[in-house]
PDB file of N, CA and C in Angstrom:
ATOM      1  N   MET A   1     -22.492  -1.516   5.060  1.00  0.00           N
ATOM      2  CA  MET A   1     -21.156  -1.148   5.526  1.00  0.00           C
ATOM      3  C   MET A   1     -20.252  -0.689   4.374  1.00  0.00           C
ATOM      4  N   ALA A   2     -20.622  -1.032   3.170  1.00  0.00           N
ATOM      5  CA  ALA A   2     -19.774  -0.695   2.031  1.00  0.00           C
ATOM      6  C   ALA A   2     -19.736   0.814   1.794  1.00  0.00           C
ATOM      7  N   ALA A   3     -20.778   1.513   2.253  1.00  0.00           N
ATOM      8  CA  ALA A   3     -20.842   2.950   2.023  1.00  0.00           C
ATOM      9  C   ALA A   3     -19.793   3.693   2.847  1.00  0.00           C
ATOM     10  N   SER A   4     -19.349   3.099   3.958  1.00  0.00           N
ATOM     11  CA  SER A   4     -18.378   3.772   4.811  1.00  0.00           C
ATOM     12  C   SER A   4     -16.956   3.617   4.285  1.00  0.00           C
ATOM     13  N   ALA A   5     -16.748   2.669   3.372  1.00  0.00           N
ATOM     14  CA  ALA A   5     -15.411   2.450   2.825  1.00  0.00           C
ATOM     15  C   ALA A   5     -15.101   3.529   1.790  1.00  0.00           C
ATOM     16  N   PRO A   6     -13.881   4.043   1.798  1.00  0.00           N
ATOM     17  CA  PRO A   6     -13.508   5.068   0.819  1.00  0.00           C
ATOM     18  C   PRO A   6     -13.440   4.473  -0.585  1.00  0.00           C
ATOM     19  N   VAL A   7     -13.829   5.262  -1.559  1.00  0.00           N
ATOM     20  CA  VAL A   7     -13.797   4.790  -2.940  1.00  0.00           C
ATOM     21  C   VAL A   7     -12.425   5.099  -3.526  1.00  0.00           C
ATOM     22  N   ILE A   8     -11.726   4.050  -3.929  1.00  0.00           N
ATOM     23  CA  ILE A   8     -10.377   4.215  -4.474  1.00  0.00           C
ATOM     24  C   ILE A   8     -10.433   4.023  -5.983  1.00  0.00           C
ATOM     25  N   PRO A   9      -9.915   4.986  -6.734  1.00  0.00           N
ATOM     26  CA  PRO A   9      -9.916   4.854  -8.199  1.00  0.00           C
ATOM     27  C   PRO A   9      -9.131   3.630  -8.647  1.00  0.00           C
ATOM     28  N   ALA A  10      -9.480   3.108  -9.823  1.00  0.00           N
ATOM     29  CA  ALA A  10      -8.865   1.877 -10.319  1.00  0.00           C
ATOM     30  C   ALA A  10      -7.367   2.064 -10.535  1.00  0.00           C
ATOM     31  N   TYR A  11      -6.947   3.266 -10.965  1.00  0.00           N
ATOM     32  CA  TYR A  11      -5.524   3.464 -11.233  1.00  0.00           C
ATOM     33  C   TYR A  11      -4.703   3.427  -9.950  1.00  0.00           C
ATOM     34  N   LYS A  12      -5.314   3.835  -8.843  1.00  0.00           N
ATOM     35  CA  LYS A  12      -4.590   3.777  -7.569  1.00  0.00           C
ATOM     36  C   LYS A  12      -4.431   2.340  -7.102  1.00  0.00           C
ATOM     37  N   THR A  13      -5.475   1.551  -7.248  1.00  0.00           N
ATOM     38  CA  THR A  13      -5.378   0.156  -6.831  1.00  0.00           C
ATOM     39  C   THR A  13      -4.402  -0.599  -7.719  1.00  0.00           C
ATOM     40  N   ALA A  14      -4.400  -0.287  -9.011  1.00  0.00           N
ATOM     41  CA  ALA A  14      -3.472  -0.944  -9.930  1.00  0.00           C
ATOM     42  C   ALA A  14      -2.038  -0.563  -9.589  1.00  0.00           C
ATOM     43  N   PHE A  15      -1.817   0.715  -9.229  1.00  0.00           N
ATOM     44  CA  PHE A  15      -0.483   1.173  -8.854  1.00  0.00           C
ATOM     45  C   PHE A  15      -0.012   0.488  -7.582  1.00  0.00           C
ATOM     46  N   LEU A  16      -0.901   0.382  -6.597  1.00  0.00           N
ATOM     47  CA  LEU A  16      -0.545  -0.285  -5.348  1.00  0.00           C
ATOM     48  C   LEU A  16      -0.251  -1.759  -5.574  1.00  0.00           C
ATOM     49  N   GLU A  17      -1.042  -2.396  -6.408  1.00  0.00           N
ATOM     50  CA  GLU A  17      -0.820  -3.816  -6.687  1.00  0.00           C
ATOM     51  C   GLU A  17       0.506  -4.031  -7.394  1.00  0.00           C
ATOM     52  N   SER A  18       0.860  -3.132  -8.305  1.00  0.00           N
ATOM     53  CA  SER A  18       2.132  -3.276  -9.008  1.00  0.00           C
ATOM     54  C   SER A  18       3.300  -3.037  -8.068  1.00  0.00           C
ATOM     55  N   CYS A  19       3.139  -2.105  -7.142  1.00  0.00           N
ATOM     56  CA  CYS A  19       4.191  -1.851  -6.158  1.00  0.00           C
ATOM     57  C   CYS A  19       4.352  -3.037  -5.219  1.00  0.00           C
ATOM     58  N   LEU A  20       3.245  -3.609  -4.787  1.00  0.00           N
ATOM     59  CA  LEU A  20       3.308  -4.751  -3.886  1.00  0.00           C
ATOM     60  C   LEU A  20       3.912  -5.962  -4.581  1.00  0.00           C
ATOM     61  N   SER A  21       3.579  -6.154  -5.839  1.00  0.00           N
ATOM     62  CA  SER A  21       4.105  -7.306  -6.567  1.00  0.00           C
ATOM     63  C   SER A  21       5.601  -7.150  -6.813  1.00  0.00           C
ATOM     64  N   ALA A  22       6.071  -5.907  -6.907  1.00  0.00           N
ATOM     65  CA  ALA A  22       7.490  -5.650  -7.124  1.00  0.00           C
ATOM     66  C   ALA A  22       8.235  -5.497  -5.805  1.00  0.00           C
ATOM     67  N   ASN A  23       7.528  -5.674  -4.682  1.00  0.00           N
ATOM     68  CA  ASN A  23       8.113  -5.523  -3.349  1.00  0.00           C
ATOM     69  C   ASN A  23       8.668  -4.120  -3.111  1.00  0.00           C
ATOM     70  N   VAL A  24       8.074  -3.126  -3.781  1.00  0.00           N
ATOM     71  CA  VAL A  24       8.479  -1.744  -3.532  1.00  0.00           C
ATOM     72  C   VAL A  24       7.938  -1.299  -2.179  1.00  0.00           C
ATOM     73  N   LEU A  25       6.688  -1.658  -1.938  1.00  0.00           N
ATOM     74  CA  LEU A  25       6.081  -1.348  -0.648  1.00  0.00           C
ATOM     75  C   LEU A  25       5.984  -2.629   0.163  1.00  0.00           C
ATOM     76  N   THR A  26       6.502  -2.579   1.379  1.00  0.00           N
ATOM     77  CA  THR A  26       6.410  -3.761   2.233  1.00  0.00           C
ATOM     78  C   THR A  26       5.724  -3.357   3.525  1.00  0.00           C
ATOM     79  N   PHE A  27       4.637  -4.034   3.843  1.00  0.00           N
ATOM     80  CA  PHE A  27       3.919  -3.756   5.073  1.00  0.00           C
ATOM     81  C   PHE A  27       4.344  -4.764   6.125  1.00  0.00           C
ATOM     82  N   GLY A  28       4.684  -4.271   7.296  1.00  0.00           N
ATOM     83  CA  GLY A  28       5.130  -5.160   8.362  1.00  0.00           C
ATOM     84  C   GLY A  28       6.277  -4.515   9.111  1.00  0.00           C
ATOM     85  N   THR A  29       7.221  -5.336   9.519  1.00  0.00           N
ATOM     86  CA  THR A  29       8.349  -4.824  10.286  1.00  0.00           C
ATOM     87  C   THR A  29       9.399  -4.258   9.341  1.00  0.00           C
ATOM     88  N   TYR A  30       9.865  -3.087   9.683  1.00  0.00           N
ATOM     89  CA  TYR A  30      10.908  -2.471   8.884  1.00  0.00           C
ATOM     90  C   TYR A  30      11.740  -1.567   9.782  1.00  0.00           C
ATOM     91  N   THR A  31      12.957  -1.261   9.347  1.00  0.00           N
ATOM     92  CA  THR A  31      13.861  -0.428  10.134  1.00  0.00           C
ATOM     93  C   THR A  31      14.093   0.893   9.409  1.00  0.00           C
ATOM     94  N   LEU A  32      13.909   1.974  10.132  1.00  0.00           N
ATOM     95  CA  LEU A  32      14.163   3.283   9.561  1.00  0.00           C
ATOM     96  C   LEU A  32      15.654   3.581   9.581  1.00  0.00           C
ATOM     97  N   LYS A  33      16.047   4.635   8.880  1.00  0.00           N
ATOM     98  CA  LYS A  33      17.458   5.006   8.841  1.00  0.00           C
ATOM     99  C   LYS A  33      17.965   5.390  10.224  1.00  0.00           C
ATOM    100  N   SER A  34      17.064   5.896  11.062  1.00  0.00           N
ATOM    101  CA  SER A  34      17.456   6.295  12.413  1.00  0.00           C
ATOM    102  C   SER A  34      17.609   5.091  13.330  1.00  0.00           C
ATOM    103  N   GLY A  35      17.211   3.918  12.857  1.00  0.00           N
ATOM    104  CA  GLY A  35      17.370   2.705  13.639  1.00  0.00           C
ATOM    105  C   GLY A  35      16.186   2.399  14.536  1.00  0.00           C
ATOM    106  N   ARG A  36      15.084   3.134  14.356  1.00  0.00           N
ATOM    107  CA  ARG A  36      13.913   2.901  15.197  1.00  0.00           C
ATOM    108  C   ARG A  36      13.087   1.748  14.663  1.00  0.00           C
TER     109      ARG A  36
END
């Protein structure tokens, strides 16, 4: 099953981890500017 997973470069994973640790990216409930 591992072959079907996309290969993500190390710099992308490091960037995502740094963003998540800094709460730049938040996954879950959020409100857009339009209020949706």
